[in-house]
Amino acid sequence: MNVLKIVLGITAGGAAGYLWHRIVGCASGMCPLVRNPYLSVIWGALLGFIFAVNR
């Protein structure tokens, strides 16, 4: 159960990071975290992992 929770947290966080990139994005190109979709997914997955581990 614990591994499933972590995998779901990483997946949901990565999806949220990608959606943040697509919906909010960065109009000026000066935003280091959301100007690249790969970085947005990585940061989202990392936050999802942290959230899943601490719950």
PDB file of N, CA and C in Angstrom:
ATOM      1  N   MET A   1       0.823  -1.197   0.000  1.00  0.00           N
ATOM      2  CA  MET A   1       0.000   0.000   0.000  1.00  0.00           C
ATOM      3  C   MET A   1       0.866   1.261   0.000  1.00  0.00           C
ATOM      4  N   ASN A   2       1.952   1.230   0.743  1.00  0.00           N
ATOM      5  CA  ASN A   2       2.809   2.403   0.849  1.00  0.00           C
ATOM      6  C   ASN A   2       3.477   2.734  -0.490  1.00  0.00           C
ATOM      7  N   VAL A   3       3.919   1.708  -1.210  1.00  0.00           N
ATOM      8  CA  VAL A   3       4.562   1.928  -2.501  1.00  0.00           C
ATOM      9  C   VAL A   3       3.553   2.482  -3.502  1.00  0.00           C
ATOM     10  N   LEU A   4       2.334   1.961  -3.459  1.00  0.00           N
ATOM     11  CA  LEU A   4       1.279   2.445  -4.345  1.00  0.00           C
ATOM     12  C   LEU A   4       0.977   3.916  -4.084  1.00  0.00           C
ATOM     13  N   LYS A   5       0.955   4.290  -2.813  1.00  0.00           N
ATOM     14  CA  LYS A   5       0.708   5.691  -2.456  1.00  0.00           C
ATOM     15  C   LYS A   5       1.810   6.598  -2.992  1.00  0.00           C
ATOM     16  N   ILE A   6       3.038   6.157  -2.920  1.00  0.00           N
ATOM     17  CA  ILE A   6       4.161   6.952  -3.411  1.00  0.00           C
ATOM     18  C   ILE A   6       4.106   7.063  -4.933  1.00  0.00           C
ATOM     19  N   VAL A   7       3.829   5.952  -5.619  1.00  0.00           N
ATOM     20  CA  VAL A   7       3.748   5.981  -7.071  1.00  0.00           C
ATOM     21  C   VAL A   7       2.609   6.887  -7.534  1.00  0.00           C
ATOM     22  N   LEU A   8       1.473   6.811  -6.869  1.00  0.00           N
ATOM     23  CA  LEU A   8       0.350   7.689  -7.214  1.00  0.00           C
ATOM     24  C   LEU A   8       0.678   9.152  -6.941  1.00  0.00           C
ATOM     25  N   GLY A   9       1.399   9.423  -5.865  1.00  0.00           N
ATOM     26  CA  GLY A   9       1.802  10.795  -5.559  1.00  0.00           C
ATOM     27  C   GLY A   9       2.745  11.358  -6.608  1.00  0.00           C
ATOM     28  N   ILE A  10       3.707  10.546  -7.047  1.00  0.00           N
ATOM     29  CA  ILE A  10       4.650  10.989  -8.078  1.00  0.00           C
ATOM     30  C   ILE A  10       3.921  11.222  -9.395  1.00  0.00           C
ATOM     31  N   THR A  11       3.024  10.301  -9.749  1.00  0.00           N
ATOM     32  CA  THR A  11       2.283  10.429 -11.002  1.00  0.00           C
ATOM     33  C   THR A  11       1.377  11.653 -10.994  1.00  0.00           C
ATOM     34  N   ALA A  12       0.649  11.835  -9.907  1.00  0.00           N
ATOM     35  CA  ALA A  12      -0.253  12.989  -9.812  1.00  0.00           C
ATOM     36  C   ALA A  12       0.538  14.295  -9.789  1.00  0.00           C
ATOM     37  N   GLY A  13       1.663  14.311  -9.098  1.00  0.00           N
ATOM     38  CA  GLY A  13       2.492  15.509  -9.061  1.00  0.00           C
ATOM     39  C   GLY A  13       3.080  15.847 -10.420  1.00  0.00           C
ATOM     40  N   GLY A  14       3.523  14.830 -11.152  1.00  0.00           N
ATOM     41  CA  GLY A  14       4.050  15.060 -12.495  1.00  0.00           C
ATOM     42  C   GLY A  14       2.981  15.593 -13.435  1.00  0.00           C
ATOM     43  N   ALA A  15       1.776  15.022 -13.328  1.00  0.00           N
ATOM     44  CA  ALA A  15       0.665  15.504 -14.162  1.00  0.00           C
ATOM     45  C   ALA A  15       0.304  16.942 -13.802  1.00  0.00           C
ATOM     46  N   ALA A  16       0.299  17.243 -12.515  1.00  0.00           N
ATOM     47  CA  ALA A  16      -0.005  18.609 -12.086  1.00  0.00           C
ATOM     48  C   ALA A  16       1.073  19.587 -12.560  1.00  0.00           C
ATOM     49  N   GLY A  17       2.327  19.167 -12.526  1.00  0.00           N
ATOM     50  CA  GLY A  17       3.405  20.013 -13.026  1.00  0.00           C
ATOM     51  C   GLY A  17       3.269  20.296 -14.507  1.00  0.00           C
ATOM     52  N   TYR A  18       2.889  19.275 -15.272  1.00  0.00           N
ATOM     53  CA  TYR A  18       2.698  19.479 -16.707  1.00  0.00           C
ATOM     54  C   TYR A  18       1.506  20.394 -16.972  1.00  0.00           C
ATOM     55  N   LEU A  19       0.423  20.181 -16.242  1.00  0.00           N
ATOM     56  CA  LEU A  19      -0.742  21.051 -16.409  1.00  0.00           C
ATOM     57  C   LEU A  19      -0.421  22.489 -16.028  1.00  0.00           C
ATOM     58  N   TRP A  20       0.380  22.663 -14.997  1.00  0.00           N
ATOM     59  CA  TRP A  20       0.800  24.015 -14.601  1.00  0.00           C
ATOM     60  C   TRP A  20       1.578  24.671 -15.743  1.00  0.00           C
ATOM     61  N   HIS A  21       2.460  23.909 -16.371  1.00  0.00           N
ATOM     62  CA  HIS A  21       3.227  24.433 -17.504  1.00  0.00           C
ATOM     63  C   HIS A  21       2.303  24.816 -18.649  1.00  0.00           C
ATOM     64  N   ARG A  22       1.325  23.975 -18.968  1.00  0.00           N
ATOM     65  CA  ARG A  22       0.440  24.222 -20.100  1.00  0.00           C
ATOM     66  C   ARG A  22      -0.554  25.345 -19.825  1.00  0.00           C
ATOM     67  N   ILE A  23      -1.101  25.420 -18.618  1.00  0.00           N
ATOM     68  CA  ILE A  23      -2.158  26.392 -18.318  1.00  0.00           C
ATOM     69  C   ILE A  23      -1.569  27.737 -17.893  1.00  0.00           C
ATOM     70  N   VAL A  24      -0.665  27.722 -16.935  1.00  0.00           N
ATOM     71  CA  VAL A  24      -0.104  28.972 -16.401  1.00  0.00           C
ATOM     72  C   VAL A  24       1.087  29.403 -17.238  1.00  0.00           C
ATOM     73  N   GLY A  25       2.067  28.515 -17.381  1.00  0.00           N
ATOM     74  CA  GLY A  25       3.231  28.786 -18.220  1.00  0.00           C
ATOM     75  C   GLY A  25       4.031  29.996 -17.788  1.00  0.00           C
ATOM     76  N   CYS A  26       4.780  30.505 -18.740  1.00  0.00           N
ATOM     77  CA  CYS A  26       5.640  31.653 -18.485  1.00  0.00           C
ATOM     78  C   CYS A  26       5.691  32.488 -19.763  1.00  0.00           C
ATOM     79  N   ALA A  27       5.020  33.611 -19.760  1.00  0.00           N
ATOM     80  CA  ALA A  27       4.921  34.442 -20.961  1.00  0.00           C
ATOM     81  C   ALA A  27       6.256  35.102 -21.318  1.00  0.00           C
ATOM     82  N   SER A  28       7.044  35.468 -20.314  1.00  0.00           N
ATOM     83  CA  SER A  28       8.276  36.199 -20.581  1.00  0.00           C
ATOM     84  C   SER A  28       9.457  35.281 -20.899  1.00  0.00           C
ATOM     85  N   GLY A  29       9.376  34.012 -20.530  1.00  0.00           N
ATOM     86  CA  GLY A  29      10.491  33.094 -20.735  1.00  0.00           C
ATOM     87  C   GLY A  29      11.561  33.189 -19.672  1.00  0.00           C
ATOM     88  N   MET A  30      11.339  33.976 -18.647  1.00  0.00           N
ATOM     89  CA  MET A  30      12.319  34.173 -17.586  1.00  0.00           C
ATOM     90  C   MET A  30      12.054  33.317 -16.347  1.00  0.00           C
ATOM     91  N   CYS A  31      11.045  32.474 -16.404  1.00  0.00           N
ATOM     92  CA  CYS A  31      10.690  31.631 -15.267  1.00  0.00           C
ATOM     93  C   CYS A  31      11.426  30.298 -15.395  1.00  0.00           C
ATOM     94  N   PRO A  32      12.434  30.035 -14.585  1.00  0.00           N
ATOM     95  CA  PRO A  32      13.252  28.835 -14.781  1.00  0.00           C
ATOM     96  C   PRO A  32      12.512  27.524 -14.515  1.00  0.00           C
ATOM     97  N   LEU A  33      11.483  27.538 -13.684  1.00  0.00           N
ATOM     98  CA  LEU A  33      10.817  26.285 -13.349  1.00  0.00           C
ATOM     99  C   LEU A  33       9.724  25.896 -14.324  1.00  0.00           C
ATOM    100  N   VAL A  34       9.095  26.844 -14.971  1.00  0.00           N
ATOM    101  CA  VAL A  34       7.959  26.505 -15.835  1.00  0.00           C
ATOM    102  C   VAL A  34       8.190  26.811 -17.306  1.00  0.00           C
ATOM    103  N   ARG A  35       9.345  27.287 -17.683  1.00  0.00           N
ATOM    104  CA  ARG A  35       9.568  27.554 -19.110  1.00  0.00           C
ATOM    105  C   ARG A  35       9.859  26.262 -19.864  1.00  0.00           C
ATOM    106  N   ASN A  36      10.303  25.241 -19.156  1.00  0.00           N
ATOM    107  CA  ASN A  36      10.616  23.955 -19.752  1.00  0.00           C
ATOM    108  C   ASN A  36       9.626  22.916 -19.213  1.00  0.00           C
ATOM    109  N   PRO A  37       8.878  22.210 -20.066  1.00  0.00           N
ATOM    110  CA  PRO A  37       7.896  21.250 -19.563  1.00  0.00           C
ATOM    111  C   PRO A  37       8.525  20.101 -18.781  1.00  0.00           C
ATOM    112  N   TYR A  38       9.753  19.712 -19.128  1.00  0.00           N
ATOM    113  CA  TYR A  38      10.403  18.622 -18.399  1.00  0.00           C
ATOM    114  C   TYR A  38      10.710  19.024 -16.963  1.00  0.00           C
ATOM    115  N   LEU A  39      11.167  20.248 -16.774  1.00  0.00           N
ATOM    116  CA  LEU A  39      11.431  20.716 -15.411  1.00  0.00           C
ATOM    117  C   LEU A  39      10.146  20.837 -14.604  1.00  0.00           C
ATOM    118  N   SER A  40       9.073  21.256 -15.243  1.00  0.00           N
ATOM    119  CA  SER A  40       7.793  21.361 -14.554  1.00  0.00           C
ATOM    120  C   SER A  40       7.321  19.996 -14.083  1.00  0.00           C
ATOM    121  N   VAL A  41       7.475  18.987 -14.930  1.00  0.00           N
ATOM    122  CA  VAL A  41       7.065  17.632 -14.554  1.00  0.00           C
ATOM    123  C   VAL A  41       7.948  17.094 -13.434  1.00  0.00           C
ATOM    124  N   ILE A  42       9.243  17.330 -13.514  1.00  0.00           N
ATOM    125  CA  ILE A  42      10.154  16.850 -12.473  1.00  0.00           C
ATOM    126  C   ILE A  42       9.842  17.501 -11.136  1.00  0.00           C
ATOM    127  N   TRP A  43       9.660  18.819 -11.115  1.00  0.00           N
ATOM    128  CA  TRP A  43       9.339  19.505  -9.873  1.00  0.00           C
ATOM    129  C   TRP A  43       7.990  19.067  -9.329  1.00  0.00           C
ATOM    130  N   GLY A  44       7.012  18.887 -10.203  1.00  0.00           N
ATOM    131  CA  GLY A  44       5.705  18.404  -9.763  1.00  0.00           C
ATOM    132  C   GLY A  44       5.789  17.008  -9.188  1.00  0.00           C
ATOM    133  N   ALA A  45       6.546  16.124  -9.831  1.00  0.00           N
ATOM    134  CA  ALA A  45       6.713  14.763  -9.325  1.00  0.00           C
ATOM    135  C   ALA A  45       7.430  14.763  -7.980  1.00  0.00           C
ATOM    136  N   LEU A  46       8.421  15.630  -7.838  1.00  0.00           N
ATOM    137  CA  LEU A  46       9.130  15.731  -6.560  1.00  0.00           C
ATOM    138  C   LEU A  46       8.190  16.201  -5.450  1.00  0.00           C
ATOM    139  N   LEU A  47       7.378  17.199  -5.742  1.00  0.00           N
ATOM    140  CA  LEU A  47       6.419  17.663  -4.737  1.00  0.00           C
ATOM    141  C   LEU A  47       5.366  16.599  -4.434  1.00  0.00           C
ATOM    142  N   GLY A  48       4.940  15.858  -5.463  1.00  0.00           N
ATOM    143  CA  GLY A  48       4.002  14.760  -5.241  1.00  0.00           C
ATOM    144  C   GLY A  48       4.604  13.680  -4.374  1.00  0.00           C
ATOM    145  N   PHE A  49       5.878  13.376  -4.589  1.00  0.00           N
ATOM    146  CA  PHE A  49       6.579  12.396  -3.755  1.00  0.00           C
ATOM    147  C   PHE A  49       6.649  12.854  -2.302  1.00  0.00           C
ATOM    148  N   ILE A  50       7.034  14.093  -2.099  1.00  0.00           N
ATOM    149  CA  ILE A  50       7.131  14.627  -0.733  1.00  0.00           C
ATOM    150  C   ILE A  50       5.763  14.608  -0.052  1.00  0.00           C
ATOM    151  N   PHE A  51       4.743  14.982  -0.781  1.00  0.00           N
ATOM    152  CA  PHE A  51       3.393  14.973  -0.217  1.00  0.00           C
ATOM    153  C   PHE A  51       2.963  13.550   0.128  1.00  0.00           C
ATOM    154  N   ALA A  52       3.258  12.583  -0.738  1.00  0.00           N
ATOM    155  CA  ALA A  52       2.846  11.201  -0.501  1.00  0.00           C
ATOM    156  C   ALA A  52       3.593  10.585   0.681  1.00  0.00           C
ATOM    157  N   VAL A  53       4.855  10.919   0.846  1.00  0.00           N
ATOM    158  CA  VAL A  53       5.642  10.358   1.940  1.00  0.00           C
ATOM    159  C   VAL A  53       5.211  10.929   3.290  1.00  0.00           C
ATOM    160  N   ASN A  54       4.829  12.197   3.302  1.00  0.00           N
ATOM    161  CA  ASN A  54       4.464  12.852   4.556  1.00  0.00           C
ATOM    162  C   ASN A  54       3.013  12.646   4.953  1.00  0.00           C
ATOM    163  N   ARG A  55       2.234  11.969   4.147  1.00  0.00           N
ATOM    164  CA  ARG A  55       0.821  11.714   4.477  1.00  0.00           C
ATOM    165  C   ARG A  55       0.656  10.397   5.126  1.00  0.00           C
TER     166      ARG A  55
END
